[in-house]
Amino acid sequence: MLYTVPALASAAAVVGLELAWLRTGLFRRASFWIAYAICLFFQVLVDGWLTKLSSPIVRYDEEEMTGWRFPFDIPVEDYVYGFTLIALTLLLWERSRLRAEPPEPRLAEPSVPSREP
């Protein structure tokens, strides 16, 4: 499981990074999941072509993986690793965007006139 364990650990690390430090709220937004679905669609097309068992371009050591493949013979570990790459990229992008925005202006507090003679 030399490929499975690091893939799962990296995904857990990215989720933990978001929850503990970045706190962008990106995983709660529909826009993230729509963007991820678009990336996933193309990942399936490309990864399916690269890993098809009938004529693979990329070969994996089956002893180092779960052996689960879906669809088009794509190892499930590739989906986990793909999620990690996409999520980390978008999280860091969002974090840098939030840091670059100027803070919202604060409303001035009403001044209280002094009662000095």
Protein backbone atom coordinates (compact mmCIF):
# COMPACT_ATOMS: atom_id res chain seq x y z
CA MET A 1 0.00 0.00 0.00
CA LEU A 2 2.91 2.29 -0.72
CA TYR A 3 0.69 4.41 -2.98
CA THR A 4 -2.60 4.19 -1.06
CA VAL A 5 -1.42 5.37 2.35
CA PRO A 6 0.35 8.55 1.13
CA ALA A 7 -2.63 9.40 -1.09
CA LEU A 8 -5.04 9.14 1.85
CA ALA A 9 -2.63 10.96 4.18
CA SER A 10 -2.21 13.83 1.72
CA ALA A 11 -5.99 14.23 1.33
CA ALA A 12 -6.43 14.21 5.11
CA ALA A 13 -3.63 16.77 5.45
CA VAL A 14 -5.29 19.14 2.96
CA VAL A 15 -8.67 18.87 4.70
CA GLY A 16 -6.95 19.36 8.06
CA LEU A 17 -5.06 22.38 6.72
CA GLU A 18 -8.32 23.98 5.66
CA LEU A 19 -10.07 23.26 8.95
CA ALA A 20 -7.21 24.22 11.25
CA TRP A 21 -5.38 27.06 9.56
CA LEU A 22 -6.63 28.36 6.19
CA ARG A 23 -10.32 28.54 7.09
CA THR A 24 -11.45 29.81 3.71
CA GLY A 25 -14.80 28.02 3.86
CA LEU A 26 -14.16 26.72 0.36
CA PHE A 27 -15.47 23.20 1.02
CA ARG A 28 -18.85 24.67 1.98
CA ARG A 29 -19.32 26.41 -1.37
CA ALA A 30 -21.14 24.93 -4.32
CA SER A 31 -18.66 26.66 -6.63
CA PHE A 32 -15.83 24.50 -5.27
CA TRP A 33 -17.73 21.27 -5.83
CA ILE A 34 -18.79 22.34 -9.34
CA ALA A 35 -15.17 23.19 -10.21
CA TYR A 36 -14.04 19.89 -8.72
CA ALA A 37 -16.66 17.99 -10.77
CA ILE A 38 -15.41 19.66 -13.97
CA CYS A 39 -11.81 18.71 -13.13
CA LEU A 40 -12.93 15.19 -12.22
CA PHE A 41 -14.64 14.77 -15.59
CA PHE A 42 -11.41 15.55 -17.41
CA GLN A 43 -9.39 13.47 -14.96
CA VAL A 44 -11.52 10.45 -15.83
CA LEU A 45 -10.99 11.00 -19.56
CA VAL A 46 -7.23 11.47 -19.34
CA ASP A 47 -6.51 9.03 -16.53
CA GLY A 48 -8.72 6.40 -18.14
CA TRP A 49 -6.68 6.66 -21.33
CA LEU A 50 -3.36 6.58 -19.46
CA THR A 51 -4.15 3.61 -17.20
CA LYS A 52 -6.38 1.36 -19.33
CA LEU A 53 -5.33 -2.22 -18.72
CA SER A 54 -5.61 -3.19 -22.38
CA SER A 55 -2.77 -0.85 -23.36
CA PRO A 56 -1.49 1.17 -20.39
CA ILE A 57 0.79 4.14 -20.79
CA VAL A 58 1.22 4.40 -17.03
CA ARG A 59 1.72 1.18 -15.07
CA TYR A 60 1.35 0.74 -11.34
CA ASP A 61 2.76 -1.92 -9.09
CA GLU A 62 -0.44 -3.73 -8.13
CA GLU A 63 1.09 -4.87 -4.84
CA GLU A 64 1.40 -1.23 -3.72
CA MET A 65 -2.28 -0.37 -4.28
CA THR A 66 -5.72 -1.59 -3.29
CA GLY A 67 -6.30 -2.95 -6.79
CA TRP A 68 -9.68 -1.20 -7.02
CA ARG A 69 -10.20 0.42 -10.40
CA PHE A 70 -13.21 2.39 -11.60
CA PRO A 71 -14.14 3.34 -14.38
CA PHE A 72 -11.88 2.68 -17.36
CA ASP A 73 -9.39 0.85 -15.12
CA ILE A 74 -8.49 4.02 -13.16
CA PRO A 75 -6.97 3.22 -9.74
CA VAL A 76 -9.11 4.73 -6.97
CA GLU A 77 -5.94 6.14 -5.42
CA ASP A 78 -5.65 8.47 -8.40
CA TYR A 79 -8.96 10.09 -7.44
CA VAL A 80 -7.75 10.70 -3.89
CA TYR A 81 -4.48 12.15 -5.11
CA GLY A 82 -6.32 14.25 -7.72
CA PHE A 83 -8.62 15.65 -5.03
CA THR A 84 -5.57 16.57 -2.98
CA LEU A 85 -3.95 18.48 -5.84
CA ILE A 86 -7.10 20.28 -6.91
CA ALA A 87 -8.25 21.15 -3.39
CA LEU A 88 -4.83 22.37 -2.23
CA THR A 89 -4.43 24.55 -5.32
CA LEU A 90 -7.85 26.14 -4.92
CA LEU A 91 -7.45 26.57 -1.16
CA LEU A 92 -4.13 28.36 -1.53
CA TRP A 93 -5.52 30.47 -4.36
CA GLU A 94 -8.52 31.44 -2.25
CA ARG A 95 -6.33 32.18 0.76
CA SER A 96 -4.09 34.48 -1.30
CA ARG A 97 -7.16 36.23 -2.73
CA LEU A 98 -8.56 36.84 0.74
CA ARG A 99 -5.24 38.24 1.95
CA ALA A 100 -4.95 40.56 -1.06
CA GLU A 101 -8.39 42.14 -0.59
CA PRO A 102 -8.42 45.32 1.42
CA PRO A 103 -10.30 45.01 4.69
CA GLU A 104 -13.85 46.26 4.74
CA PRO A 105 -14.07 49.84 5.97
CA ARG A 106 -15.33 50.18 9.49
CA LEU A 107 -18.16 52.55 10.20
CA ALA A 108 -17.08 55.59 12.13
CA GLU A 109 -18.41 55.64 15.63
CA PRO A 110 -20.60 58.64 16.35
CA SER A 111 -18.74 61.30 18.20
CA VAL A 112 -20.05 62.35 21.55
CA PRO A 113 -19.88 66.09 22.09
CA SER A 114 -17.91 67.07 25.15
CA ARG A 115 -19.64 68.97 27.89
CA GLU A 116 -16.72 71.12 28.81
CA PRO A 117 -17.43 74.87 29.24
